[in-house]
Amino acid sequence: MIIKSFRAQNFRNIEECSLEFDEKVNILLGENAQGKTNFLESVYLCCIGKSARTEKDKDLIAWKQSVAHVKTNYSCRFGEGEIAIGIAGNKKHVSVNSVPISKLGDLLGYLNCIYFSPADIK
C-alpha cells in the first residue's frame, strides 16, 4: 500500500495541510510540537477509524474549532481509493471512495498500518 496524498484541516494542531508523497521514501522533519505525531495519528485514524492516542473524538478537533477533516488517497494492489473522515463534536463521518460507511469495522482492510508510539517502545 502506498499513501499518495494527504489533507487535513483543524486536526489537533494542524490548521491546514496538504501533502503529496513519493512512492518510495518520505521523511518527516520538524521541531517539537509542530505536528509530526499528529500527522501520524491522522493516518492511523484513516486506517482504523479511531485515534491511537485518545478515546474522545472531540479531542482531535483543533482548539476553538468545531470540525476537523482528514482525507487520504492511497493505492494498493486492488486499485486506488480515498478515505475521508469528518469529526464534529462527538460525531464522526467516515467515507471510502465517497461512499459513507456506517460501521468502523467496515473501514478495516482498505488502508493498513502499524503505529508505534514512544509509549510502545518503553
PDB file of N, CA and C in Angstrom:
ATOM      1  N   MET A   1       0.825  -1.177   0.000  1.00  0.00           N
ATOM      2  CA  MET A   1       0.000   0.000   0.000  1.00  0.00           C
ATOM      3  C   MET A   1       0.869   1.240   0.000  1.00  0.00           C
ATOM      4  N   ILE A   2       0.395   2.228  -0.706  1.00  0.00           N
ATOM      5  CA  ILE A   2       1.128   3.493  -0.806  1.00  0.00           C
ATOM      6  C   ILE A   2       0.153   4.635  -0.548  1.00  0.00           C
ATOM      7  N   ILE A   3       0.511   5.498   0.376  1.00  0.00           N
ATOM      8  CA  ILE A   3      -0.267   6.715   0.566  1.00  0.00           C
ATOM      9  C   ILE A   3       0.205   7.718  -0.484  1.00  0.00           C
ATOM     10  N   LYS A   4      -0.702   8.143  -1.318  1.00  0.00           N
ATOM     11  CA  LYS A   4      -0.350   9.061  -2.404  1.00  0.00           C
ATOM     12  C   LYS A   4      -0.449  10.514  -1.983  1.00  0.00           C
ATOM     13  N   SER A   5      -1.499  10.845  -1.240  1.00  0.00           N
ATOM     14  CA  SER A   5      -1.661  12.231  -0.800  1.00  0.00           C
ATOM     15  C   SER A   5      -2.449  12.258   0.507  1.00  0.00           C
ATOM     16  N   PHE A   6      -2.361  13.395   1.156  1.00  0.00           N
ATOM     17  CA  PHE A   6      -2.965  13.567   2.470  1.00  0.00           C
ATOM     18  C   PHE A   6      -3.422  15.009   2.605  1.00  0.00           C
ATOM     19  N   ARG A   7      -4.603  15.185   3.224  1.00  0.00           N
ATOM     20  CA  ARG A   7      -5.100  16.527   3.539  1.00  0.00           C
ATOM     21  C   ARG A   7      -5.697  16.505   4.927  1.00  0.00           C
ATOM     22  N   ALA A   8      -5.464  17.551   5.666  1.00  0.00           N
ATOM     23  CA  ALA A   8      -6.068  17.683   6.993  1.00  0.00           C
ATOM     24  C   ALA A   8      -6.427  19.134   7.226  1.00  0.00           C
ATOM     25  N   GLN A   9      -7.478  19.319   7.977  1.00  0.00           N
ATOM     26  CA  GLN A   9      -7.913  20.663   8.348  1.00  0.00           C
ATOM     27  C   GLN A   9      -8.430  20.599   9.783  1.00  0.00           C
ATOM     28  N   ASN A  10      -7.888  21.472  10.629  1.00  0.00           N
ATOM     29  CA  ASN A  10      -8.292  21.586  12.032  1.00  0.00           C
ATOM     30  C   ASN A  10      -8.149  20.279  12.801  1.00  0.00           C
ATOM     31  N   PHE A  11      -7.156  19.493  12.466  1.00  0.00           N
ATOM     32  CA  PHE A  11      -6.880  18.247  13.176  1.00  0.00           C
ATOM     33  C   PHE A  11      -5.776  18.513  14.195  1.00  0.00           C
ATOM     34  N   ARG A  12      -6.126  18.508  15.464  1.00  0.00           N
ATOM     35  CA  ARG A  12      -5.203  18.831  16.560  1.00  0.00           C
ATOM     36  C   ARG A  12      -4.505  20.156  16.260  1.00  0.00           C
ATOM     37  N   ASN A  13      -3.164  20.179  16.119  1.00  0.00           N
ATOM     38  CA  ASN A  13      -2.500  21.464  15.853  1.00  0.00           C
ATOM     39  C   ASN A  13      -2.271  21.704  14.361  1.00  0.00           C
ATOM     40  N   ILE A  14      -2.826  20.868  13.508  1.00  0.00           N
ATOM     41  CA  ILE A  14      -2.693  21.041  12.061  1.00  0.00           C
ATOM     42  C   ILE A  14      -3.864  21.891  11.570  1.00  0.00           C
ATOM     43  N   GLU A  15      -3.586  23.151  11.279  1.00  0.00           N
ATOM     44  CA  GLU A  15      -4.638  24.051  10.815  1.00  0.00           C
ATOM     45  C   GLU A  15      -5.067  23.681   9.398  1.00  0.00           C
ATOM     46  N   GLU A  16      -4.110  23.574   8.520  1.00  0.00           N
ATOM     47  CA  GLU A  16      -4.363  23.223   7.113  1.00  0.00           C
ATOM     48  C   GLU A  16      -3.100  22.556   6.586  1.00  0.00           C
ATOM     49  N   CYS A  17      -3.250  21.377   5.995  1.00  0.00           N
ATOM     50  CA  CYS A  17      -2.078  20.655   5.488  1.00  0.00           C
ATOM     51  C   CYS A  17      -2.477  19.848   4.268  1.00  0.00           C
ATOM     52  N   SER A  18      -1.652  19.916   3.253  1.00  0.00           N
ATOM     53  CA  SER A  18      -1.858  19.125   2.051  1.00  0.00           C
ATOM     54  C   SER A  18      -0.496  18.607   1.608  1.00  0.00           C
ATOM     55  N   LEU A  19      -0.366  17.288   1.494  1.00  0.00           N
ATOM     56  CA  LEU A  19       0.923  16.675   1.164  1.00  0.00           C
ATOM     57  C   LEU A  19       0.774  15.681   0.026  1.00  0.00           C
ATOM     58  N   GLU A  20       1.784  15.616  -0.807  1.00  0.00           N
ATOM     59  CA  GLU A  20       1.902  14.590  -1.843  1.00  0.00           C
ATOM     60  C   GLU A  20       3.114  13.741  -1.468  1.00  0.00           C
ATOM     61  N   PHE A  21       3.041  12.429  -1.677  1.00  0.00           N
ATOM     62  CA  PHE A  21       4.108  11.536  -1.240  1.00  0.00           C
ATOM     63  C   PHE A  21       4.787  10.828  -2.396  1.00  0.00           C
ATOM     64  N   ASP A  22       6.051  10.534  -2.188  1.00  0.00           N
ATOM     65  CA  ASP A  22       6.821   9.715  -3.110  1.00  0.00           C
ATOM     66  C   ASP A  22       6.447   8.247  -2.865  1.00  0.00           C
ATOM     67  N   GLU A  23       6.552   7.419  -3.880  1.00  0.00           N
ATOM     68  CA  GLU A  23       6.197   6.010  -3.731  1.00  0.00           C
ATOM     69  C   GLU A  23       7.212   5.235  -2.901  1.00  0.00           C
ATOM     70  N   LYS A  24       8.404   5.766  -2.745  1.00  0.00           N
ATOM     71  CA  LYS A  24       9.455   5.011  -2.059  1.00  0.00           C
ATOM     72  C   LYS A  24       9.661   5.470  -0.625  1.00  0.00           C
ATOM     73  N   VAL A  25      10.330   6.591  -0.407  1.00  0.00           N
ATOM     74  CA  VAL A  25      10.688   7.020   0.937  1.00  0.00           C
ATOM     75  C   VAL A  25      10.230   8.455   1.172  1.00  0.00           C
ATOM     76  N   ASN A  26       9.677   8.686   2.349  1.00  0.00           N
ATOM     77  CA  ASN A  26       9.266  10.029   2.774  1.00  0.00           C
ATOM     78  C   ASN A  26       9.749  10.233   4.195  1.00  0.00           C
ATOM     79  N   ILE A  27      10.283  11.410   4.476  1.00  0.00           N
ATOM     80  CA  ILE A  27      10.826  11.713   5.794  1.00  0.00           C
ATOM     81  C   ILE A  27      10.128  12.951   6.334  1.00  0.00           C
ATOM     82  N   LEU A  28       9.673  12.858   7.582  1.00  0.00           N
ATOM     83  CA  LEU A  28       9.058  13.997   8.260  1.00  0.00           C
ATOM     84  C   LEU A  28      10.096  14.621   9.185  1.00  0.00           C
ATOM     85  N   LEU A  29      10.362  15.901   8.997  1.00  0.00           N
ATOM     86  CA  LEU A  29      11.297  16.631   9.839  1.00  0.00           C
ATOM     87  C   LEU A  29      10.598  17.839  10.426  1.00  0.00           C
ATOM     88  N   GLY A  30      10.951  18.181  11.651  1.00  0.00           N
ATOM     89  CA  GLY A  30      10.383  19.369  12.266  1.00  0.00           C
ATOM     90  C   GLY A  30      10.741  19.452  13.727  1.00  0.00           C
ATOM     91  N   GLU A  31      10.595  20.637  14.256  1.00  0.00           N
ATOM     92  CA  GLU A  31      10.841  20.857  15.678  1.00  0.00           C
ATOM     93  C   GLU A  31       9.754  20.146  16.493  1.00  0.00           C
ATOM     94  N   ASN A  32       9.974  20.087  17.791  1.00  0.00           N
ATOM     95  CA  ASN A  32       8.959  19.522  18.681  1.00  0.00           C
ATOM     96  C   ASN A  32       7.669  20.338  18.589  1.00  0.00           C
ATOM     97  N   ALA A  33       6.544  19.633  18.737  1.00  0.00           N
ATOM     98  CA  ALA A  33       5.207  20.248  18.769  1.00  0.00           C
ATOM     99  C   ALA A  33       4.835  20.944  17.461  1.00  0.00           C
ATOM    100  N   GLN A  34       5.322  20.435  16.339  1.00  0.00           N
ATOM    101  CA  GLN A  34       4.983  21.029  15.047  1.00  0.00           C
ATOM    102  C   GLN A  34       3.951  20.216  14.262  1.00  0.00           C
ATOM    103  N   GLY A  35       3.585  19.007  14.769  1.00  0.00           N
ATOM    104  CA  GLY A  35       2.522  18.242  14.131  1.00  0.00           C
ATOM    105  C   GLY A  35       2.937  16.915  13.522  1.00  0.00           C
ATOM    106  N   LYS A  36       4.167  16.477  13.698  1.00  0.00           N
ATOM    107  CA  LYS A  36       4.608  15.208  13.113  1.00  0.00           C
ATOM    108  C   LYS A  36       3.796  14.035  13.670  1.00  0.00           C
ATOM    109  N   THR A  37       3.684  13.954  14.987  1.00  0.00           N
ATOM    110  CA  THR A  37       2.925  12.867  15.607  1.00  0.00           C
ATOM    111  C   THR A  37       1.435  13.002  15.296  1.00  0.00           C
ATOM    112  N   ASN A  38       0.939  14.216  15.226  1.00  0.00           N
ATOM    113  CA  ASN A  38      -0.467  14.423  14.866  1.00  0.00           C
ATOM    114  C   ASN A  38      -0.743  13.946  13.447  1.00  0.00           C
ATOM    115  N   PHE A  39       0.203  14.167  12.545  1.00  0.00           N
ATOM    116  CA  PHE A  39       0.063  13.654  11.178  1.00  0.00           C
ATOM    117  C   PHE A  39      -0.036  12.130  11.206  1.00  0.00           C
ATOM    118  N   LEU A  40       0.877  11.485  11.932  1.00  0.00           N
ATOM    119  CA  LEU A  40       0.853  10.025  12.007  1.00  0.00           C
ATOM    120  C   LEU A  40      -0.443   9.519  12.634  1.00  0.00           C
ATOM    121  N   GLU A  41      -0.922  10.228  13.646  1.00  0.00           N
ATOM    122  CA  GLU A  41      -2.186   9.869  14.270  1.00  0.00           C
ATOM    123  C   GLU A  41      -3.344   9.975  13.278  1.00  0.00           C
ATOM    124  N   SER A  42      -3.314  10.992  12.432  1.00  0.00           N
ATOM    125  CA  SER A  42      -4.403  11.166  11.460  1.00  0.00           C
ATOM    126  C   SER A  42      -4.377  10.067  10.397  1.00  0.00           C
ATOM    127  N   VAL A  43      -3.200   9.603  10.014  1.00  0.00           N
ATOM    128  CA  VAL A  43      -3.109   8.477   9.078  1.00  0.00           C
ATOM    129  C   VAL A  43      -3.663   7.222   9.742  1.00  0.00           C
ATOM    130  N   TYR A  44      -3.303   7.004  11.005  1.00  0.00           N
ATOM    131  CA  TYR A  44      -3.838   5.869  11.758  1.00  0.00           C
ATOM    132  C   TYR A  44      -5.367   5.952  11.828  1.00  0.00           C
ATOM    133  N   LEU A  45      -5.884   7.137  12.035  1.00  0.00           N
ATOM    134  CA  LEU A  45      -7.330   7.352  12.064  1.00  0.00           C
ATOM    135  C   LEU A  45      -7.966   6.881  10.761  1.00  0.00           C
ATOM    136  N   CYS A  46      -7.326   7.179   9.638  1.00  0.00           N
ATOM    137  CA  CYS A  46      -7.860   6.753   8.340  1.00  0.00           C
ATOM    138  C   CYS A  46      -7.775   5.234   8.156  1.00  0.00           C
ATOM    139  N   CYS A  47      -6.836   4.603   8.819  1.00  0.00           N
ATOM    140  CA  CYS A  47      -6.693   3.148   8.711  1.00  0.00           C
ATOM    141  C   CYS A  47      -7.666   2.395   9.606  1.00  0.00           C
ATOM    142  N   ILE A  48      -7.791   2.854  10.841  1.00  0.00           N
ATOM    143  CA  ILE A  48      -8.533   2.120  11.859  1.00  0.00           C
ATOM    144  C   ILE A  48      -9.891   2.745  12.169  1.00  0.00           C
ATOM    145  N   GLY A  49     -10.000   4.060  11.983  1.00  0.00           N
ATOM    146  CA  GLY A  49     -11.253   4.753  12.278  1.00  0.00           C
ATOM    147  C   GLY A  49     -11.310   5.348  13.665  1.00  0.00           C
ATOM    148  N   LYS A  50     -10.231   5.187  14.424  1.00  0.00           N
ATOM    149  CA  LYS A  50     -10.174   5.805  15.747  1.00  0.00           C
ATOM    150  C   LYS A  50      -8.741   6.242  16.023  1.00  0.00           C
ATOM    151  N   SER A  51      -8.595   7.081  17.020  1.00  0.00           N
ATOM    152  CA  SER A  51      -7.291   7.616  17.386  1.00  0.00           C
ATOM    153  C   SER A  51      -6.467   6.573  18.130  1.00  0.00           C
ATOM    154  N   ALA A  52      -5.165   6.661  17.970  1.00  0.00           N
ATOM    155  CA  ALA A  52      -4.252   5.819  18.739  1.00  0.00           C
ATOM    156  C   ALA A  52      -3.937   6.458  20.084  1.00  0.00           C
ATOM    157  N   ARG A  53      -4.355   7.712  20.287  1.00  0.00           N
ATOM    158  CA  ARG A  53      -3.925   8.457  21.464  1.00  0.00           C
ATOM    159  C   ARG A  53      -5.051   8.909  22.388  1.00  0.00           C
ATOM    160  N   THR A  54      -6.293   8.878  21.939  1.00  0.00           N
ATOM    161  CA  THR A  54      -7.406   9.321  22.787  1.00  0.00           C
ATOM    162  C   THR A  54      -8.669   8.550  22.431  1.00  0.00           C
ATOM    163  N   GLU A  55      -9.534   8.415  23.408  1.00  0.00           N
ATOM    164  CA  GLU A  55     -10.829   7.761  23.188  1.00  0.00           C
ATOM    165  C   GLU A  55     -11.883   8.746  22.710  1.00  0.00           C
ATOM    166  N   LYS A  56     -11.655  10.041  22.940  1.00  0.00           N
ATOM    167  CA  LYS A  56     -12.641  11.070  22.634  1.00  0.00           C
ATOM    168  C   LYS A  56     -12.342  11.718  21.286  1.00  0.00           C
ATOM    169  N   ASP A  57     -13.251  11.542  20.339  1.00  0.00           N
ATOM    170  CA  ASP A  57     -13.061  12.131  19.018  1.00  0.00           C
ATOM    171  C   ASP A  57     -12.961  13.649  19.066  1.00  0.00           C
ATOM    172  N   LYS A  58     -13.695  14.268  19.973  1.00  0.00           N
ATOM    173  CA  LYS A  58     -13.675  15.727  20.046  1.00  0.00           C
ATOM    174  C   LYS A  58     -12.289  16.259  20.395  1.00  0.00           C
ATOM    175  N   ASP A  59     -11.423  15.439  21.014  1.00  0.00           N
ATOM    176  CA  ASP A  59     -10.050  15.856  21.316  1.00  0.00           C
ATOM    177  C   ASP A  59      -9.202  16.005  20.050  1.00  0.00           C
ATOM    178  N   LEU A  60      -9.669  15.467  18.939  1.00  0.00           N
ATOM    179  CA  LEU A  60      -8.926  15.547  17.681  1.00  0.00           C
ATOM    180  C   LEU A  60      -9.166  16.863  16.951  1.00  0.00           C
ATOM    181  N   ILE A  61     -10.183  17.584  17.359  1.00  0.00           N
ATOM    182  CA  ILE A  61     -10.513  18.860  16.711  1.00  0.00           C
ATOM    183  C   ILE A  61      -9.633  19.959  17.295  1.00  0.00           C
ATOM    184  N   ALA A  62      -9.084  20.784  16.424  1.00  0.00           N
ATOM    185  CA  ALA A  62      -8.206  21.878  16.850  1.00  0.00           C
ATOM    186  C   ALA A  62      -8.914  22.799  17.829  1.00  0.00           C
ATOM    187  N   TRP A  63      -8.125  23.412  18.685  1.00  0.00           N
ATOM    188  CA  TRP A  63      -8.616  24.336  19.702  1.00  0.00           C
ATOM    189  C   TRP A  63      -9.454  25.444  19.064  1.00  0.00           C
ATOM    190  N   LYS A  64     -10.610  25.726  19.610  1.00  0.00           N
ATOM    191  CA  LYS A  64     -11.533  26.775  19.173  1.00  0.00           C
ATOM    192  C   LYS A  64     -12.124  26.529  17.784  1.00  0.00           C
ATOM    193  N   GLN A  65     -12.112  25.288  17.318  1.00  0.00           N
ATOM    194  CA  GLN A  65     -12.733  24.912  16.056  1.00  0.00           C
ATOM    195  C   GLN A  65     -13.871  23.935  16.347  1.00  0.00           C
ATOM    196  N   SER A  66     -14.808  23.817  15.426  1.00  0.00           N
ATOM    197  CA  SER A  66     -15.954  22.931  15.652  1.00  0.00           C
ATOM    198  C   SER A  66     -15.910  21.645  14.828  1.00  0.00           C
ATOM    199  N   VAL A  67     -15.093  21.627  13.779  1.00  0.00           N
ATOM    200  CA  VAL A  67     -14.982  20.431  12.935  1.00  0.00           C
ATOM    201  C   VAL A  67     -13.531  20.211  12.528  1.00  0.00           C
ATOM    202  N   ALA A  68     -13.229  18.948  12.236  1.00  0.00           N
ATOM    203  CA  ALA A  68     -11.917  18.572  11.702  1.00  0.00           C
ATOM    204  C   ALA A  68     -12.144  17.622  10.532  1.00  0.00           C
ATOM    205  N   HIS A  69     -11.251  17.683   9.546  1.00  0.00           N
ATOM    206  CA  HIS A  69     -11.344  16.810   8.375  1.00  0.00           C
ATOM    207  C   HIS A  69      -9.974  16.208   8.068  1.00  0.00           C
ATOM    208  N   VAL A  70      -9.992  14.940   7.668  1.00  0.00           N
ATOM    209  CA  VAL A  70      -8.782  14.251   7.236  1.00  0.00           C
ATOM    210  C   VAL A  70      -9.138  13.451   5.991  1.00  0.00           C
ATOM    211  N   LYS A  71      -8.263  13.492   5.000  1.00  0.00           N
ATOM    212  CA  LYS A  71      -8.504  12.743   3.768  1.00  0.00           C
ATOM    213  C   LYS A  71      -7.183  12.136   3.296  1.00  0.00           C
ATOM    214  N   THR A  72      -7.215  10.850   2.957  1.00  0.00           N
ATOM    215  CA  THR A  72      -6.026  10.148   2.488  1.00  0.00           C
ATOM    216  C   THR A  72      -6.356   9.450   1.174  1.00  0.00           C
ATOM    217  N   ASN A  73      -5.529   9.672   0.163  1.00  0.00           N
ATOM    218  CA  ASN A  73      -5.627   8.939  -1.093  1.00  0.00           C
ATOM    219  C   ASN A  73      -4.518   7.909  -1.114  1.00  0.00           C
ATOM    220  N   TYR A  74      -4.861   6.709  -1.524  1.00  0.00           N
ATOM    221  CA  TYR A  74      -3.887   5.619  -1.486  1.00  0.00           C
ATOM    222  C   TYR A  74      -4.013   4.743  -2.726  1.00  0.00           C
ATOM    223  N   SER A  75      -3.007   3.919  -2.934  1.00  0.00           N
ATOM    224  CA  SER A  75      -3.081   2.898  -3.972  1.00  0.00           C
ATOM    225  C   SER A  75      -2.593   1.586  -3.378  1.00  0.00           C
ATOM    226  N   CYS A  76      -3.164   0.503  -3.876  1.00  0.00           N
ATOM    227  CA  CYS A  76      -2.777  -0.830  -3.425  1.00  0.00           C
ATOM    228  C   CYS A  76      -2.941  -1.784  -4.599  1.00  0.00           C
ATOM    229  N   ARG A  77      -2.688  -3.040  -4.363  1.00  0.00           N
ATOM    230  CA  ARG A  77      -2.767  -4.000  -5.475  1.00  0.00           C
ATOM    231  C   ARG A  77      -4.175  -4.132  -6.040  1.00  0.00           C
ATOM    232  N   PHE A  78      -5.186  -3.659  -5.300  1.00  0.00           N
ATOM    233  CA  PHE A  78      -6.565  -3.738  -5.770  1.00  0.00           C
ATOM    234  C   PHE A  78      -7.023  -2.473  -6.482  1.00  0.00           C
ATOM    235  N   GLY A  79      -6.160  -1.447  -6.504  1.00  0.00           N
ATOM    236  CA  GLY A  79      -6.516  -0.198  -7.166  1.00  0.00           C
ATOM    237  C   GLY A  79      -6.252   0.997  -6.273  1.00  0.00           C
ATOM    238  N   GLU A  80      -6.933   2.085  -6.567  1.00  0.00           N
ATOM    239  CA  GLU A  80      -6.760   3.317  -5.817  1.00  0.00           C
ATOM    240  C   GLU A  80      -8.026   3.610  -5.014  1.00  0.00           C
ATOM    241  N   GLY A  81      -7.851   4.401  -3.957  1.00  0.00           N
ATOM    242  CA  GLY A  81      -9.002   4.726  -3.130  1.00  0.00           C
ATOM    243  C   GLY A  81      -8.786   5.998  -2.338  1.00  0.00           C
ATOM    244  N   GLU A  82      -9.859   6.415  -1.683  1.00  0.00           N
ATOM    245  CA  GLU A  82      -9.822   7.616  -0.855  1.00  0.00           C
ATOM    246  C   GLU A  82     -10.626   7.354   0.411  1.00  0.00           C
ATOM    247  N   ILE A  83     -10.015   7.687   1.544  1.00  0.00           N
ATOM    248  CA  ILE A  83     -10.701   7.607   2.825  1.00  0.00           C
ATOM    249  C   ILE A  83     -10.821   9.017   3.357  1.00  0.00           C
ATOM    250  N   ALA A  84     -12.035   9.424   3.712  1.00  0.00           N
ATOM    251  CA  ALA A  84     -12.278  10.765   4.244  1.00  0.00           C
ATOM    252  C   ALA A  84     -13.013  10.641   5.577  1.00  0.00           C
ATOM    253  N   ILE A  85     -12.551  11.421   6.545  1.00  0.00           N
ATOM    254  CA  ILE A  85     -13.164  11.409   7.866  1.00  0.00           C
ATOM    255  C   ILE A  85     -13.428  12.840   8.305  1.00  0.00           C
ATOM    256  N   GLY A  86     -14.634  13.085   8.746  1.00  0.00           N
ATOM    257  CA  GLY A  86     -15.003  14.374   9.306  1.00  0.00           C
ATOM    258  C   GLY A  86     -15.445  14.183  10.744  1.00  0.00           C
ATOM    259  N   ILE A  87     -14.997  15.060  11.627  1.00  0.00           N
ATOM    260  CA  ILE A  87     -15.353  14.971  13.037  1.00  0.00           C
ATOM    261  C   ILE A  87     -15.993  16.294  13.450  1.00  0.00           C
ATOM    262  N   ALA A  88     -17.164  16.216  14.030  1.00  0.00           N
ATOM    263  CA  ALA A  88     -17.874  17.393  14.551  1.00  0.00           C
ATOM    264  C   ALA A  88     -18.382  17.025  15.935  1.00  0.00           C
ATOM    265  N   GLY A  89     -17.776  17.609  16.964  1.00  0.00           N
ATOM    266  CA  GLY A  89     -18.132  17.247  18.331  1.00  0.00           C
ATOM    267  C   GLY A  89     -17.808  15.794  18.582  1.00  0.00           C
ATOM    268  N   ASN A  90     -18.798  15.021  18.988  1.00  0.00           N
ATOM    269  CA  ASN A  90     -18.600  13.587  19.210  1.00  0.00           C
ATOM    270  C   ASN A  90     -19.088  12.745  18.041  1.00  0.00           C
ATOM    271  N   LYS A  91     -19.432  13.385  16.935  1.00  0.00           N
ATOM    272  CA  LYS A  91     -19.901  12.668  15.749  1.00  0.00           C
ATOM    273  C   LYS A  91     -18.773  12.540  14.748  1.00  0.00           C
ATOM    274  N   LYS A  92     -18.661  11.348  14.155  1.00  0.00           N
ATOM    275  CA  LYS A  92     -17.622  11.091  13.164  1.00  0.00           C
ATOM    276  C   LYS A  92     -18.281  10.538  11.913  1.00  0.00           C
ATOM    277  N   HIS A  93     -17.913  11.087  10.758  1.00  0.00           N
ATOM    278  CA  HIS A  93     -18.435  10.626   9.475  1.00  0.00           C
ATOM    279  C   HIS A  93     -17.265  10.075   8.665  1.00  0.00           C
ATOM    280  N   VAL A  94     -17.396   8.828   8.242  1.00  0.00           N
ATOM    281  CA  VAL A  94     -16.327   8.156   7.513  1.00  0.00           C
ATOM    282  C   VAL A  94     -16.862   7.723   6.157  1.00  0.00           C
ATOM    283  N   SER A  95     -16.060   7.987   5.112  1.00  0.00           N
ATOM    284  CA  SER A  95     -16.444   7.510   3.782  1.00  0.00           C
ATOM    285  C   SER A  95     -15.231   6.914   3.084  1.00  0.00           C
ATOM    286  N   VAL A  96     -15.511   5.923   2.261  1.00  0.00           N
ATOM    287  CA  VAL A  96     -14.497   5.293   1.426  1.00  0.00           C
ATOM    288  C   VAL A  96     -14.935   5.476  -0.012  1.00  0.00           C
ATOM    289  N   ASN A  97     -14.109   6.136  -0.797  1.00  0.00           N
ATOM    290  CA  ASN A  97     -14.440   6.433  -2.195  1.00  0.00           C
ATOM    291  C   ASN A  97     -15.788   7.152  -2.301  1.00  0.00           C
ATOM    292  N   SER A  98     -15.993   8.112  -1.403  1.00  0.00           N
ATOM    293  CA  SER A  98     -17.186   8.955  -1.336  1.00  0.00           C
ATOM    294  C   SER A  98     -18.460   8.222  -0.928  1.00  0.00           C
ATOM    295  N   VAL A  99     -18.333   6.977  -0.466  1.00  0.00           N
ATOM    296  CA  VAL A  99     -19.485   6.207  -0.006  1.00  0.00           C
ATOM    297  C   VAL A  99     -19.415   6.120   1.519  1.00  0.00           C
ATOM    298  N   PRO A 100     -20.414   6.671   2.220  1.00  0.00           N
ATOM    299  CA  PRO A 100     -20.390   6.618   3.686  1.00  0.00           C
ATOM    300  C   PRO A 100     -20.422   5.182   4.202  1.00  0.00           C
ATOM    301  N   ILE A 101     -19.682   4.942   5.281  1.00  0.00           N
ATOM    302  CA  ILE A 101     -19.756   3.637   5.929  1.00  0.00           C
ATOM    303  C   ILE A 101     -20.411   3.835   7.299  1.00  0.00           C
ATOM    304  N   SER A 102     -21.183   2.862   7.707  1.00  0.00           N
ATOM    305  CA  SER A 102     -21.938   3.008   8.959  1.00  0.00           C
ATOM    306  C   SER A 102     -21.215   2.383  10.148  1.00  0.00           C
ATOM    307  N   LYS A 103     -20.387   1.370   9.920  1.00  0.00           N
ATOM    308  CA  LYS A 103     -19.654   0.710  10.998  1.00  0.00           C
ATOM    309  C   LYS A 103     -18.156   0.866  10.762  1.00  0.00           C
ATOM    310  N   LEU A 104     -17.419   1.237  11.816  1.00  0.00           N
ATOM    311  CA  LEU A 104     -15.968   1.403  11.678  1.00  0.00           C
ATOM    312  C   LEU A 104     -15.283   0.116  11.250  1.00  0.00           C
ATOM    313  N   GLY A 105     -15.848  -1.012  11.605  1.00  0.00           N
ATOM    314  CA  GLY A 105     -15.276  -2.287  11.190  1.00  0.00           C
ATOM    315  C   GLY A 105     -15.210  -2.426   9.676  1.00  0.00           C
ATOM    316  N   ASP A 106     -16.107  -1.753   8.967  1.00  0.00           N
ATOM    317  CA  ASP A 106     -16.108  -1.809   7.503  1.00  0.00           C
ATOM    318  C   ASP A 106     -14.920  -1.060   6.902  1.00  0.00           C
ATOM    319  N   LEU A 107     -14.262  -0.216   7.690  1.00  0.00           N
ATOM    320  CA  LEU A 107     -13.103   0.534   7.210  1.00  0.00           C
ATOM    321  C   LEU A 107     -11.848  -0.343   7.149  1.00  0.00           C
ATOM    322  N   LEU A 108     -11.786  -1.350   8.014  1.00  0.00           N
ATOM    323  CA  LEU A 108     -10.595  -2.187   8.108  1.00  0.00           C
ATOM    324  C   LEU A 108     -10.293  -2.892   6.791  1.00  0.00           C
ATOM    325  N   GLY A 109      -9.018  -2.856   6.420  1.00  0.00           N
ATOM    326  CA  GLY A 109      -8.564  -3.542   5.225  1.00  0.00           C
ATOM    327  C   GLY A 109      -8.344  -2.647   4.018  1.00  0.00           C
ATOM    328  N   TYR A 110      -8.933  -1.458   4.024  1.00  0.00           N
ATOM    329  CA  TYR A 110      -8.704  -0.549   2.900  1.00  0.00           C
ATOM    330  C   TYR A 110      -7.287   0.016   2.934  1.00  0.00           C
ATOM    331  N   LEU A 111      -6.853   0.455   4.091  1.00  0.00           N
ATOM    332  CA  LEU A 111      -5.526   1.041   4.266  1.00  0.00           C
ATOM    333  C   LEU A 111      -4.954   0.487   5.564  1.00  0.00           C
ATOM    334  N   ASN A 112      -3.923  -0.335   5.464  1.00  0.00           N
ATOM    335  CA  ASN A 112      -3.342  -0.991   6.630  1.00  0.00           C
ATOM    336  C   ASN A 112      -2.137  -0.219   7.137  1.00  0.00           C
ATOM    337  N   CYS A 113      -1.938  -0.226   8.449  1.00  0.00           N
ATOM    338  CA  CYS A 113      -0.779   0.446   9.027  1.00  0.00           C
ATOM    339  C   CYS A 113      -0.414  -0.190  10.360  1.00  0.00           C
ATOM    340  N   ILE A 114       0.784   0.111  10.793  1.00  0.00           N
ATOM    341  CA  ILE A 114       1.260  -0.253  12.126  1.00  0.00           C
ATOM    342  C   ILE A 114       1.711   1.037  12.771  1.00  0.00           C
ATOM    343  N   TYR A 115       1.225   1.306  13.971  1.00  0.00           N
ATOM    344  CA  TYR A 115       1.517   2.555  14.666  1.00  0.00           C
ATOM    345  C   TYR A 115       2.389   2.262  15.883  1.00  0.00           C
ATOM    346  N   PHE A 116       3.593   2.834  15.905  1.00  0.00           N
ATOM    347  CA  PHE A 116       4.478   2.734  17.066  1.00  0.00           C
ATOM    348  C   PHE A 116       4.524   4.097  17.718  1.00  0.00           C
ATOM    349  N   SER A 117       4.315   4.125  19.013  1.00  0.00           N
ATOM    350  CA  SER A 117       4.410   5.386  19.747  1.00  0.00           C
ATOM    351  C   SER A 117       5.557   5.287  20.758  1.00  0.00           C
ATOM    352  N   PRO A 118       6.009   6.422  21.301  1.00  0.00           N
ATOM    353  CA  PRO A 118       7.051   6.350  22.333  1.00  0.00           C
ATOM    354  C   PRO A 118       6.647   5.445  23.498  1.00  0.00           C
ATOM    355  N   ALA A 119       5.366   5.401  23.832  1.00  0.00           N
ATOM    356  CA  ALA A 119       4.912   4.526  24.917  1.00  0.00           C
ATOM    357  C   ALA A 119       5.109   3.054  24.568  1.00  0.00           C
ATOM    358  N   ASP A 120       4.989   2.695  23.284  1.00  0.00           N
ATOM    359  CA  ASP A 120       5.191   1.319  22.860  1.00  0.00           C
ATOM    360  C   ASP A 120       6.652   0.892  23.019  1.00  0.00           C
ATOM    361  N   ILE A 121       7.554   1.813  22.856  1.00  0.00           N
ATOM    362  CA  ILE A 121       8.978   1.500  22.943  1.00  0.00           C
ATOM    363  C   ILE A 121       9.365   1.197  24.383  1.00  0.00           C
ATOM    364  N   LYS A 122       8.745   1.892  25.349  1.00  0.00           N
ATOM    365  CA  LYS A 122       9.040   1.652  26.755  1.00  0.00           C
ATOM    366  C   LYS A 122       8.563   0.290  27.150  1.00  0.00           C
TER     367      LYS A 122
END
